[in-house]
All heavy atoms as atom14 arrays in JSON, in Angstrom:
{
  "sequence": "RAHLRRSTNGVRTLERCRFGDVELDFKKYRAVRAGRPIDLSPREFEIL",
  "atom14_mask": [
    [1, 1, 1, 1, 1, 1, 1, 1, 1, 1, 1, 0, 0, 0],
    [1, 1, 1, 1, 1, 0, 0, 0, 0, 0, 0, 0, 0, 0],
    [1, 1, 1, 1, 1, 1, 1, 1, 1, 1, 0, 0, 0, 0],
    [1, 1, 1, 1, 1, 1, 1, 1, 0, 0, 0, 0, 0, 0],
    [1, 1, 1, 1, 1, 1, 1, 1, 1, 1, 1, 0, 0, 0],
    [1, 1, 1, 1, 1, 1, 1, 1, 1, 1, 1, 0, 0, 0],
    [1, 1, 1, 1, 1, 1, 0, 0, 0, 0, 0, 0, 0, 0],
    [1, 1, 1, 1, 1, 1, 1, 0, 0, 0, 0, 0, 0, 0],
    [1, 1, 1, 1, 1, 1, 1, 1, 0, 0, 0, 0, 0, 0],
    [1, 1, 1, 1, 0, 0, 0, 0, 0, 0, 0, 0, 0, 0],
    [1, 1, 1, 1, 1, 1, 1, 0, 0, 0, 0, 0, 0, 0],
    [1, 1, 1, 1, 1, 1, 1, 1, 1, 1, 1, 0, 0, 0],
    [1, 1, 1, 1, 1, 1, 1, 0, 0, 0, 0, 0, 0, 0],
    [1, 1, 1, 1, 1, 1, 1, 1, 0, 0, 0, 0, 0, 0],
    [1, 1, 1, 1, 1, 1, 1, 1, 1, 0, 0, 0, 0, 0],
    [1, 1, 1, 1, 1, 1, 1, 1, 1, 1, 1, 0, 0, 0],
    [1, 1, 1, 1, 1, 1, 0, 0, 0, 0, 0, 0, 0, 0],
    [1, 1, 1, 1, 1, 1, 1, 1, 1, 1, 1, 0, 0, 0],
    [1, 1, 1, 1, 1, 1, 1, 1, 1, 1, 1, 0, 0, 0],
    [1, 1, 1, 1, 0, 0, 0, 0, 0, 0, 0, 0, 0, 0],
    [1, 1, 1, 1, 1, 1, 1, 1, 0, 0, 0, 0, 0, 0],
    [1, 1, 1, 1, 1, 1, 1, 0, 0, 0, 0, 0, 0, 0],
    [1, 1, 1, 1, 1, 1, 1, 1, 1, 0, 0, 0, 0, 0],
    [1, 1, 1, 1, 1, 1, 1, 1, 0, 0, 0, 0, 0, 0],
    [1, 1, 1, 1, 1, 1, 1, 1, 0, 0, 0, 0, 0, 0],
    [1, 1, 1, 1, 1, 1, 1, 1, 1, 1, 1, 0, 0, 0],
    [1, 1, 1, 1, 1, 1, 1, 1, 1, 0, 0, 0, 0, 0],
    [1, 1, 1, 1, 1, 1, 1, 1, 1, 0, 0, 0, 0, 0],
    [1, 1, 1, 1, 1, 1, 1, 1, 1, 1, 1, 1, 0, 0],
    [1, 1, 1, 1, 1, 1, 1, 1, 1, 1, 1, 0, 0, 0],
    [1, 1, 1, 1, 1, 0, 0, 0, 0, 0, 0, 0, 0, 0],
    [1, 1, 1, 1, 1, 1, 1, 0, 0, 0, 0, 0, 0, 0],
    [1, 1, 1, 1, 1, 1, 1, 1, 1, 1, 1, 0, 0, 0],
    [1, 1, 1, 1, 1, 0, 0, 0, 0, 0, 0, 0, 0, 0],
    [1, 1, 1, 1, 0, 0, 0, 0, 0, 0, 0, 0, 0, 0],
    [1, 1, 1, 1, 1, 1, 1, 1, 1, 1, 1, 0, 0, 0],
    [1, 1, 1, 1, 1, 1, 1, 0, 0, 0, 0, 0, 0, 0],
    [1, 1, 1, 1, 1, 1, 1, 1, 0, 0, 0, 0, 0, 0],
    [1, 1, 1, 1, 1, 1, 1, 1, 0, 0, 0, 0, 0, 0],
    [1, 1, 1, 1, 1, 1, 1, 1, 0, 0, 0, 0, 0, 0],
    [1, 1, 1, 1, 1, 1, 0, 0, 0, 0, 0, 0, 0, 0],
    [1, 1, 1, 1, 1, 1, 1, 0, 0, 0, 0, 0, 0, 0],
    [1, 1, 1, 1, 1, 1, 1, 1, 1, 1, 1, 0, 0, 0],
    [1, 1, 1, 1, 1, 1, 1, 1, 1, 0, 0, 0, 0, 0],
    [1, 1, 1, 1, 1, 1, 1, 1, 1, 1, 1, 0, 0, 0],
    [1, 1, 1, 1, 1, 1, 1, 1, 1, 0, 0, 0, 0, 0],
    [1, 1, 1, 1, 1, 1, 1, 1, 0, 0, 0, 0, 0, 0],
    [1, 1, 1, 1, 1, 1, 1, 1, 0, 0, 0, 0, 0, 0]
  ],
  "atom14_positions": [
    [[-43.28, -38.85, -160.48], [-42.43, -37.71, -160.85], [-42.2, -36.77, -159.67], [-41.09, -36.27, -159.47], [-43.04, -36.96, -162.03], [-42.83, -37.65, -163.37], [-43.18, -36.74, -164.55], [-44.59, -36.41, -164.6], [-45.52, -37.16, -165.21], [-45.19, -38.27, -165.82], [-46.78, -36.78, -165.2], [0.0, 0.0, 0.0], [0.0, 0.0, 0.0], [0.0, 0.0, 0.0]],
    [[-43.22, -36.54, -158.88], [-43.07, -35.67, -157.7], [-42.08, -36.27, -156.71], [-41.23, -35.57, -156.16], [-44.43, -35.46, -157.03], [0.0, 0.0, 0.0], [0.0, 0.0, 0.0], [0.0, 0.0, 0.0], [0.0, 0.0, 0.0], [0.0, 0.0, 0.0], [0.0, 0.0, 0.0], [0.0, 0.0, 0.0], [0.0, 0.0, 0.0], [0.0, 0.0, 0.0]],
    [[-42.16, -37.58, -156.5], [-41.22, -38.24, -155.58], [-39.8, -38.18, -156.14], [-38.84, -37.98, -155.39], [-41.63, -39.7, -155.33], [-42.75, -39.83, -154.35], [-42.57, -39.68, -153.0], [-44.07, -40.06, -154.52], [-43.73, -39.82, -152.38], [-44.66, -40.05, -153.3], [0.0, 0.0, 0.0], [0.0, 0.0, 0.0], [0.0, 0.0, 0.0], [0.0, 0.0, 0.0]],
    [[-39.65, -38.36, -157.44], [-38.31, -38.28, -158.04], [-37.73, -36.88, -157.89], [-36.55, -36.72, -157.62], [-38.36, -38.69, -159.52], [-38.58, -40.18, -159.77], [-38.8, -40.44, -161.26], [-37.41, -40.99, -159.25], [0.0, 0.0, 0.0], [0.0, 0.0, 0.0], [0.0, 0.0, 0.0], [0.0, 0.0, 0.0], [0.0, 0.0, 0.0], [0.0, 0.0, 0.0]],
    [[-38.56, -35.85, -158.08], [-38.08, -34.47, -157.91], [-37.58, -34.25, -156.48], [-36.53, -33.67, -156.26], [-39.19, -33.48, -158.22], [-39.37, -33.15, -159.66], [-40.25, -31.91, -159.86], [-41.51, -31.97, -159.15], [-42.63, -32.55, -159.62], [-42.63, -33.12, -160.79], [-43.74, -32.53, -158.91], [0.0, 0.0, 0.0], [0.0, 0.0, 0.0], [0.0, 0.0, 0.0]],
    [[-38.34, -34.72, -155.51], [-37.96, -34.55, -154.11], [-36.72, -35.37, -153.76], [-35.87, -34.94, -153.0], [-39.11, -34.93, -153.18], [-40.22, -33.9, -153.18], [-41.19, -34.15, -152.05], [-41.86, -35.43, -152.11], [-42.99, -35.68, -152.75], [-43.6, -34.72, -153.41], [-43.53, -36.88, -152.72], [0.0, 0.0, 0.0], [0.0, 0.0, 0.0], [0.0, 0.0, 0.0]],
    [[-36.6, -36.55, -154.34], [-35.48, -37.42, -153.97], [-34.16, -36.96, -154.56], [-33.11, -37.3, -154.06], [-35.75, -38.86, -154.39], [-35.7, -38.99, -155.79], [0.0, 0.0, 0.0], [0.0, 0.0, 0.0], [0.0, 0.0, 0.0], [0.0, 0.0, 0.0], [0.0, 0.0, 0.0], [0.0, 0.0, 0.0], [0.0, 0.0, 0.0], [0.0, 0.0, 0.0]],
    [[-34.17, -36.17, -155.63], [-32.92, -35.7, -156.22], [-32.42, -34.42, -155.57], [-31.32, -33.97, -155.89], [-33.07, -35.47, -157.74], [-34.11, -34.53, -157.97], [-33.35, -36.76, -158.47], [0.0, 0.0, 0.0], [0.0, 0.0, 0.0], [0.0, 0.0, 0.0], [0.0, 0.0, 0.0], [0.0, 0.0, 0.0], [0.0, 0.0, 0.0], [0.0, 0.0, 0.0]],
    [[-33.17, -33.86, -154.63], [-32.71, -32.63, -153.96], [-31.41, -32.82, -153.22], [-30.58, -31.92, -153.17], [-33.79, -32.1, -153.01], [-34.93, -31.46, -153.75], [-34.81, -31.12, -154.92], [-36.06, -31.3, -153.08], [0.0, 0.0, 0.0], [0.0, 0.0, 0.0], [0.0, 0.0, 0.0], [0.0, 0.0, 0.0], [0.0, 0.0, 0.0], [0.0, 0.0, 0.0]],
    [[-31.17, -33.98, -152.63], [-29.96, -34.21, -151.86], [-28.82, -34.82, -152.66], [-27.76, -35.07, -152.13], [0.0, 0.0, 0.0], [0.0, 0.0, 0.0], [0.0, 0.0, 0.0], [0.0, 0.0, 0.0], [0.0, 0.0, 0.0], [0.0, 0.0, 0.0], [0.0, 0.0, 0.0], [0.0, 0.0, 0.0], [0.0, 0.0, 0.0], [0.0, 0.0, 0.0]],
    [[-29.04, -35.05, -153.95], [-28.02, -35.67, -154.78], [-26.93, -34.66, -155.09], [-27.2, -33.54, -155.49], [-28.65, -36.22, -156.09], [-27.58, -36.74, -157.03], [-29.66, -37.3, -155.78], [0.0, 0.0, 0.0], [0.0, 0.0, 0.0], [0.0, 0.0, 0.0], [0.0, 0.0, 0.0], [0.0, 0.0, 0.0], [0.0, 0.0, 0.0], [0.0, 0.0, 0.0]],
    [[-25.72, -35.08, -154.87], [-24.58, -34.21, -155.12], [-24.33, -34.14, -156.63], [-24.28, -35.15, -157.31], [-23.36, -34.79, -154.41], [-22.21, -33.85, -154.34], [-21.14, -34.42, -153.43], [-19.87, -33.92, -153.91], [-18.76, -34.59, -153.93], [-18.73, -35.81, -153.49], [-17.66, -34.06, -154.38], [0.0, 0.0, 0.0], [0.0, 0.0, 0.0], [0.0, 0.0, 0.0]],
    [[-24.18, -32.93, -157.14], [-23.91, -32.76, -158.56], [-22.54, -32.13, -158.73], [-21.95, -31.61, -157.8], [-24.97, -31.86, -159.23], [-24.97, -30.59, -158.6], [-26.35, -32.47, -159.16], [0.0, 0.0, 0.0], [0.0, 0.0, 0.0], [0.0, 0.0, 0.0], [0.0, 0.0, 0.0], [0.0, 0.0, 0.0], [0.0, 0.0, 0.0], [0.0, 0.0, 0.0]],
    [[-22.07, -32.18, -159.94], [-20.75, -31.67, -160.24], [-20.81, -30.94, -161.57], [-21.2, -31.52, -162.58], [-19.77, -32.84, -160.31], [-18.3, -32.53, -160.54], [-17.73, -31.73, -159.36], [-17.53, -33.83, -160.69], [0.0, 0.0, 0.0], [0.0, 0.0, 0.0], [0.0, 0.0, 0.0], [0.0, 0.0, 0.0], [0.0, 0.0, 0.0], [0.0, 0.0, 0.0]],
    [[-20.48, -29.65, -161.56], [-20.51, -28.87, -162.79], [-19.11, -28.68, -163.36], [-18.92, -28.75, -164.56], [-21.16, -27.52, -162.56], [-22.65, -27.63, -162.3], [-23.32, -26.29, -162.15], [-22.69, -25.25, -162.45], [-24.48, -26.28, -161.73], [0.0, 0.0, 0.0], [0.0, 0.0, 0.0], [0.0, 0.0, 0.0], [0.0, 0.0, 0.0], [0.0, 0.0, 0.0]],
    [[-18.14, -28.4, -162.49], [-16.77, -28.16, -162.92], [-15.8, -28.82, -161.96], [-16.1, -28.99, -160.79], [-16.46, -26.67, -162.95], [-17.22, -25.91, -163.99], [-16.94, -24.41, -163.83], [-17.71, -23.69, -164.8], [-17.21, -23.17, -165.91], [-15.93, -23.26, -166.16], [-17.98, -22.52, -166.75], [0.0, 0.0, 0.0], [0.0, 0.0, 0.0], [0.0, 0.0, 0.0]],
    [[-14.63, -29.15, -162.49], [-13.59, -29.73, -161.65], [-12.23, -29.41, -162.26], [-12.08, -29.36, -163.49], [-13.78, -31.24, -161.55], [-12.57, -32.03, -160.47], [0.0, 0.0, 0.0], [0.0, 0.0, 0.0], [0.0, 0.0, 0.0], [0.0, 0.0, 0.0], [0.0, 0.0, 0.0], [0.0, 0.0, 0.0], [0.0, 0.0, 0.0], [0.0, 0.0, 0.0]],
    [[-11.27, -29.22, -161.39], [-9.9, -28.98, -161.83], [-8.97, -29.83, -160.99], [-9.08, -29.87, -159.77], [-9.56, -27.5, -161.67], [-8.21, -27.16, -162.2], [-7.91, -25.69, -162.0], [-6.67, -25.43, -162.68], [-6.43, -24.39, -163.42], [-7.34, -23.46, -163.55], [-5.27, -24.24, -164.01], [0.0, 0.0, 0.0], [0.0, 0.0, 0.0], [0.0, 0.0, 0.0]],
    [[-8.06, -30.54, -161.66], [-7.05, -31.33, -160.97], [-5.83, -31.37, -161.88], [-5.94, -31.45, -163.1], [-7.55, -32.74, -160.64], [-8.03, -33.52, -161.83], [-7.15, -34.34, -162.54], [-9.35, -33.44, -162.24], [-7.59, -35.07, -163.63], [-9.79, -34.17, -163.34], [-8.91, -34.97, -164.04], [0.0, 0.0, 0.0], [0.0, 0.0, 0.0], [0.0, 0.0, 0.0]],
    [[-4.65, -31.28, -161.26], [-3.43, -31.23, -162.05], [-3.55, -30.13, -163.09], [-3.93, -29.01, -162.78], [0.0, 0.0, 0.0], [0.0, 0.0, 0.0], [0.0, 0.0, 0.0], [0.0, 0.0, 0.0], [0.0, 0.0, 0.0], [0.0, 0.0, 0.0], [0.0, 0.0, 0.0], [0.0, 0.0, 0.0], [0.0, 0.0, 0.0], [0.0, 0.0, 0.0]],
    [[-3.27, -30.46, -164.35], [-3.4, -29.46, -165.42], [-4.67, -29.7, -166.25], [-4.78, -29.24, -167.38], [-2.16, -29.48, -166.32], [-1.92, -30.82, -167.0], [-2.64, -31.79, -166.68], [-1.02, -30.9, -167.86], [0.0, 0.0, 0.0], [0.0, 0.0, 0.0], [0.0, 0.0, 0.0], [0.0, 0.0, 0.0], [0.0, 0.0, 0.0], [0.0, 0.0, 0.0]],
    [[-5.65, -30.4, -165.65], [-6.9, -30.73, -166.34], [-8.04, -29.9, -165.76], [-8.17, -29.76, -164.55], [-7.23, -32.24, -166.2], [-8.57, -32.57, -166.84], [-6.12, -33.09, -166.79], [0.0, 0.0, 0.0], [0.0, 0.0, 0.0], [0.0, 0.0, 0.0], [0.0, 0.0, 0.0], [0.0, 0.0, 0.0], [0.0, 0.0, 0.0], [0.0, 0.0, 0.0]],
    [[-8.85, -29.34, -166.67], [-10.06, -28.62, -166.29], [-11.23, -29.27, -167.0], [-11.18, -29.5, -168.2], [-9.98, -27.16, -166.72], [-8.89, -26.36, -166.03], [-8.83, -24.94, -166.56], [-9.89, -24.29, -166.64], [-7.72, -24.51, -166.91], [0.0, 0.0, 0.0], [0.0, 0.0, 0.0], [0.0, 0.0, 0.0], [0.0, 0.0, 0.0], [0.0, 0.0, 0.0]],
    [[-12.29, -29.58, -166.24], [-13.47, -30.23, -166.79], [-14.7, -29.36, -166.55], [-14.89, -28.84, -165.45], [-13.69, -31.59, -166.14], [-12.56, -32.61, -166.25], [-12.83, -33.8, -165.35], [-12.38, -33.03, -167.68], [0.0, 0.0, 0.0], [0.0, 0.0, 0.0], [0.0, 0.0, 0.0], [0.0, 0.0, 0.0], [0.0, 0.0, 0.0], [0.0, 0.0, 0.0]],
    [[-15.52, -29.23, -167.57], [-16.81, -28.56, -167.45], [-17.86, -29.6, -167.82], [-18.05, -29.92, -169.0], [-16.88, -27.36, -168.39], [-18.17, -26.56, -168.26], [-19.19, -27.14, -167.84], [-18.15, -25.36, -168.57], [0.0, 0.0, 0.0], [0.0, 0.0, 0.0], [0.0, 0.0, 0.0], [0.0, 0.0, 0.0], [0.0, 0.0, 0.0], [0.0, 0.0, 0.0]],
    [[-18.52, -30.16, -166.81], [-19.47, -31.24, -167.04], [-20.78, -30.75, -167.63], [-21.5, -31.52, -168.25], [-19.74, -32.0, -165.73], [-18.55, -32.78, -165.27], [-17.71, -32.29, -164.27], [-18.25, -34.0, -165.84], [-16.6, -33.02, -163.86], [-17.14, -34.73, -165.43], [-16.32, -34.24, -164.44], [0.0, 0.0, 0.0], [0.0, 0.0, 0.0], [0.0, 0.0, 0.0]],
    [[-21.09, -29.48, -167.45], [-22.31, -28.92, -168.03], [-22.18, -28.78, -169.55], [-23.12, -29.07, -170.28], [-22.6, -27.56, -167.42], [-23.69, -27.55, -166.4], [-23.98, -26.16, -165.98], [-25.47, -26.01, -165.8], [-25.83, -24.75, -165.22], [0.0, 0.0, 0.0], [0.0, 0.0, 0.0], [0.0, 0.0, 0.0], [0.0, 0.0, 0.0], [0.0, 0.0, 0.0]],
    [[-21.01, -28.33, -169.99], [-20.8, -28.1, -171.43], [-20.04, -29.23, -172.1], [-19.78, -29.17, -173.3], [-20.03, -26.8, -171.62], [-20.79, -25.58, -171.15], [-19.98, -24.32, -171.32], [-20.76, -23.12, -170.8], [-19.95, -21.91, -170.87], [0.0, 0.0, 0.0], [0.0, 0.0, 0.0], [0.0, 0.0, 0.0], [0.0, 0.0, 0.0], [0.0, 0.0, 0.0]],
    [[-19.67, -30.25, -171.34], [-18.88, -31.37, -171.84], [-17.64, -30.86, -172.57], [-17.35, -31.24, -173.69], [-19.72, -32.27, -172.77], [-20.66, -33.17, -172.0], [-21.9, -32.71, -171.58], [-20.29, -34.46, -171.67], [-22.76, -33.53, -170.86], [-21.13, -35.29, -170.96], [-22.36, -34.81, -170.54], [-23.2, -35.62, -169.83], [0.0, 0.0, 0.0], [0.0, 0.0, 0.0]],
    [[-16.89, -30.03, -171.85], [-15.63, -29.5, -172.37], [-14.51, -29.89, -171.42], [-14.66, -29.84, -170.2], [-15.68, -27.98, -172.5], [-16.62, -27.54, -173.59], [-16.48, -26.07, -173.85], [-17.45, -25.67, -174.86], [-18.03, -24.5, -174.9], [-17.72, -23.58, -174.0], [-18.9, -24.22, -175.83], [0.0, 0.0, 0.0], [0.0, 0.0, 0.0], [0.0, 0.0, 0.0]],
    [[-13.37, -30.23, -172.01], [-12.2, -30.61, -171.21], [-10.97, -29.95, -171.8], [-10.83, -29.83, -173.02], [-12.03, -32.13, -171.22], [0.0, 0.0, 0.0], [0.0, 0.0, 0.0], [0.0, 0.0, 0.0], [0.0, 0.0, 0.0], [0.0, 0.0, 0.0], [0.0, 0.0, 0.0], [0.0, 0.0, 0.0], [0.0, 0.0, 0.0], [0.0, 0.0, 0.0]],
    [[-10.07, -29.52, -170.9], [-8.84, -28.86, -171.3], [-7.71, -29.45, -170.47], [-7.86, -29.66, -169.27], [-8.92, -27.33, -171.07], [-7.61, -26.65, -171.39], [-10.06, -26.73, -171.87], [0.0, 0.0, 0.0], [0.0, 0.0, 0.0], [0.0, 0.0, 0.0], [0.0, 0.0, 0.0], [0.0, 0.0, 0.0], [0.0, 0.0, 0.0], [0.0, 0.0, 0.0]],
    [[-6.59, -29.71, -171.12], [-5.39, -30.18, -170.42], [-4.23, -29.33, -170.86], [-3.96, -29.22, -172.05], [-5.12, -31.65, -170.72], [-3.9, -32.15, -169.98], [-3.8, -33.66, -170.05], [-2.51, -34.03, -169.54], [-1.58, -34.67, -170.24], [-1.82, -35.05, -171.46], [-0.42, -34.93, -169.69], [0.0, 0.0, 0.0], [0.0, 0.0, 0.0], [0.0, 0.0, 0.0]],
    [[-3.59, -28.7, -169.9], [-2.44, -27.82, -170.17], [-2.83, -26.75, -171.19], [-2.05, -26.44, -172.09], [-1.24, -28.63, -170.62], [0.0, 0.0, 0.0], [0.0, 0.0, 0.0], [0.0, 0.0, 0.0], [0.0, 0.0, 0.0], [0.0, 0.0, 0.0], [0.0, 0.0, 0.0], [0.0, 0.0, 0.0], [0.0, 0.0, 0.0], [0.0, 0.0, 0.0]],
    [[-4.05, -26.22, -171.06], [-4.49, -25.16, -171.95], [-4.99, -25.61, -173.31], [-5.47, -24.8, -174.09], [0.0, 0.0, 0.0], [0.0, 0.0, 0.0], [0.0, 0.0, 0.0], [0.0, 0.0, 0.0], [0.0, 0.0, 0.0], [0.0, 0.0, 0.0], [0.0, 0.0, 0.0], [0.0, 0.0, 0.0], [0.0, 0.0, 0.0], [0.0, 0.0, 0.0]],
    [[-4.91, -26.89, -173.6], [-5.36, -27.41, -174.9], [-6.62, -28.25, -174.72], [-6.7, -29.07, -173.8], [-4.28, -28.28, -175.53], [-3.06, -27.5, -175.92], [-2.18, -28.36, -176.8], [-1.09, -27.56, -177.33], [0.18, -27.87, -177.21], [0.54, -28.99, -176.59], [1.11, -27.1, -177.73], [0.0, 0.0, 0.0], [0.0, 0.0, 0.0], [0.0, 0.0, 0.0]],
    [[-7.58, -28.09, -175.62], [-8.8, -28.9, -175.53], [-8.5, -30.4, -175.69], [-7.62, -30.78, -176.45], [-9.65, -28.42, -176.71], [-9.02, -27.18, -177.2], [-7.6, -27.18, -176.76], [0.0, 0.0, 0.0], [0.0, 0.0, 0.0], [0.0, 0.0, 0.0], [0.0, 0.0, 0.0], [0.0, 0.0, 0.0], [0.0, 0.0, 0.0], [0.0, 0.0, 0.0]],
    [[-9.2, -31.21, -174.92], [-9.09, -32.66, -175.07], [-10.46, -33.16, -175.51], [-11.48, -32.68, -175.06], [-8.73, -33.42, -173.78], [-8.44, -32.56, -172.59], [-7.71, -34.44, -173.98], [-8.22, -33.35, -171.31], [0.0, 0.0, 0.0], [0.0, 0.0, 0.0], [0.0, 0.0, 0.0], [0.0, 0.0, 0.0], [0.0, 0.0, 0.0], [0.0, 0.0, 0.0]],
    [[-10.44, -34.15, -176.38], [-11.66, -34.73, -176.9], [-12.08, -35.91, -176.03], [-11.51, -37.0, -176.14], [-11.46, -35.17, -178.35], [-12.74, -35.67, -178.99], [-13.82, -35.22, -178.57], [-12.65, -36.5, -179.9], [0.0, 0.0, 0.0], [0.0, 0.0, 0.0], [0.0, 0.0, 0.0], [0.0, 0.0, 0.0], [0.0, 0.0, 0.0], [0.0, 0.0, 0.0]],
    [[-13.04, -35.67, -175.14], [-13.57, -36.73, -174.28], [-14.98, -37.06, -174.75], [-15.77, -36.17, -175.05], [-13.62, -36.3, -172.82], [-12.31, -36.01, -172.1], [-12.58, -35.6, -170.66], [-11.38, -37.21, -172.14], [0.0, 0.0, 0.0], [0.0, 0.0, 0.0], [0.0, 0.0, 0.0], [0.0, 0.0, 0.0], [0.0, 0.0, 0.0], [0.0, 0.0, 0.0]],
    [[-15.3, -38.35, -174.78], [-16.65, -38.77, -175.14], [-17.58, -38.51, -173.95], [-17.12, -38.38, -172.8], [-16.65, -40.26, -175.48], [-16.45, -41.03, -174.3], [0.0, 0.0, 0.0], [0.0, 0.0, 0.0], [0.0, 0.0, 0.0], [0.0, 0.0, 0.0], [0.0, 0.0, 0.0], [0.0, 0.0, 0.0], [0.0, 0.0, 0.0], [0.0, 0.0, 0.0]],
    [[-18.88, -38.44, -174.2], [-19.82, -38.29, -173.08], [-19.64, -39.38, -172.02], [-19.73, -39.13, -170.83], [-21.19, -38.38, -173.75], [-20.96, -37.89, -175.14], [-19.57, -38.38, -175.5], [0.0, 0.0, 0.0], [0.0, 0.0, 0.0], [0.0, 0.0, 0.0], [0.0, 0.0, 0.0], [0.0, 0.0, 0.0], [0.0, 0.0, 0.0], [0.0, 0.0, 0.0]],
    [[-19.36, -40.6, -172.46], [-19.16, -41.7, -171.51], [-17.92, -41.45, -170.66], [-17.91, -41.71, -169.46], [-19.03, -43.02, -172.28], [-18.74, -44.18, -171.42], [-19.82, -45.19, -171.16], [-21.14, -44.92, -171.58], [-21.93, -45.77, -172.24], [-21.5, -46.94, -172.56], [-23.14, -45.44, -172.56], [0.0, 0.0, 0.0], [0.0, 0.0, 0.0], [0.0, 0.0, 0.0]],
    [[-16.85, -40.93, -171.26], [-15.64, -40.63, -170.49], [-15.9, -39.53, -169.47], [-15.4, -39.59, -168.34], [-14.51, -40.24, -171.45], [-13.99, -41.42, -172.24], [-13.05, -41.05, -173.38], [-13.18, -39.94, -173.95], [-12.17, -41.87, -173.7], [0.0, 0.0, 0.0], [0.0, 0.0, 0.0], [0.0, 0.0, 0.0], [0.0, 0.0, 0.0], [0.0, 0.0, 0.0]],
    [[-16.72, -38.54, -169.84], [-17.11, -37.51, -168.87], [-17.86, -38.15, -167.71], [-17.64, -37.81, -166.54], [-17.99, -36.44, -169.53], [-17.22, -35.3, -170.12], [-16.99, -35.24, -171.48], [-16.74, -34.27, -169.33], [-16.29, -34.19, -172.04], [-16.04, -33.2, -169.87], [-15.81, -33.17, -171.23], [0.0, 0.0, 0.0], [0.0, 0.0, 0.0], [0.0, 0.0, 0.0]],
    [[-18.77, -39.05, -168.0], [-19.57, -39.69, -166.95], [-18.7, -40.57, -166.05], [-18.92, -40.62, -164.84], [-20.73, -40.48, -167.55], [-21.76, -39.61, -168.26], [-22.33, -38.51, -167.37], [-22.68, -38.78, -166.21], [-22.43, -37.36, -167.85], [0.0, 0.0, 0.0], [0.0, 0.0, 0.0], [0.0, 0.0, 0.0], [0.0, 0.0, 0.0], [0.0, 0.0, 0.0]],
    [[-17.72, -41.25, -166.62], [-16.79, -42.04, -165.8], [-16.03, -41.13, -164.86], [-15.93, -41.39, -163.66], [-15.81, -42.84, -166.7], [-16.54, -43.94, -167.45], [-14.68, -43.44, -165.85], [-15.72, -44.59, -168.55], [0.0, 0.0, 0.0], [0.0, 0.0, 0.0], [0.0, 0.0, 0.0], [0.0, 0.0, 0.0], [0.0, 0.0, 0.0], [0.0, 0.0, 0.0]],
    [[-15.5, -40.03, -165.41], [-14.76, -39.08, -164.57], [-15.65, -38.5, -163.48], [-15.25, -38.39, -162.33], [-14.17, -37.96, -165.42], [-12.88, -38.3, -166.14], [-12.52, -37.21, -167.15], [-11.75, -38.48, -165.15], [0.0, 0.0, 0.0], [0.0, 0.0, 0.0], [0.0, 0.0, 0.0], [0.0, 0.0, 0.0], [0.0, 0.0, 0.0], [0.0, 0.0, 0.0]]
  ]
}
């Protein structure tokens, strides 16, 4: 566990992203396109 904690320090994470008219919040698993919520599955969030 100690080695895993140390090894994840350099891992790049992503909390939010915006592209085109899409906004993604990976922490809250929320997605919006053109101001309207989109229903993305957890797997679709992980793919993105």
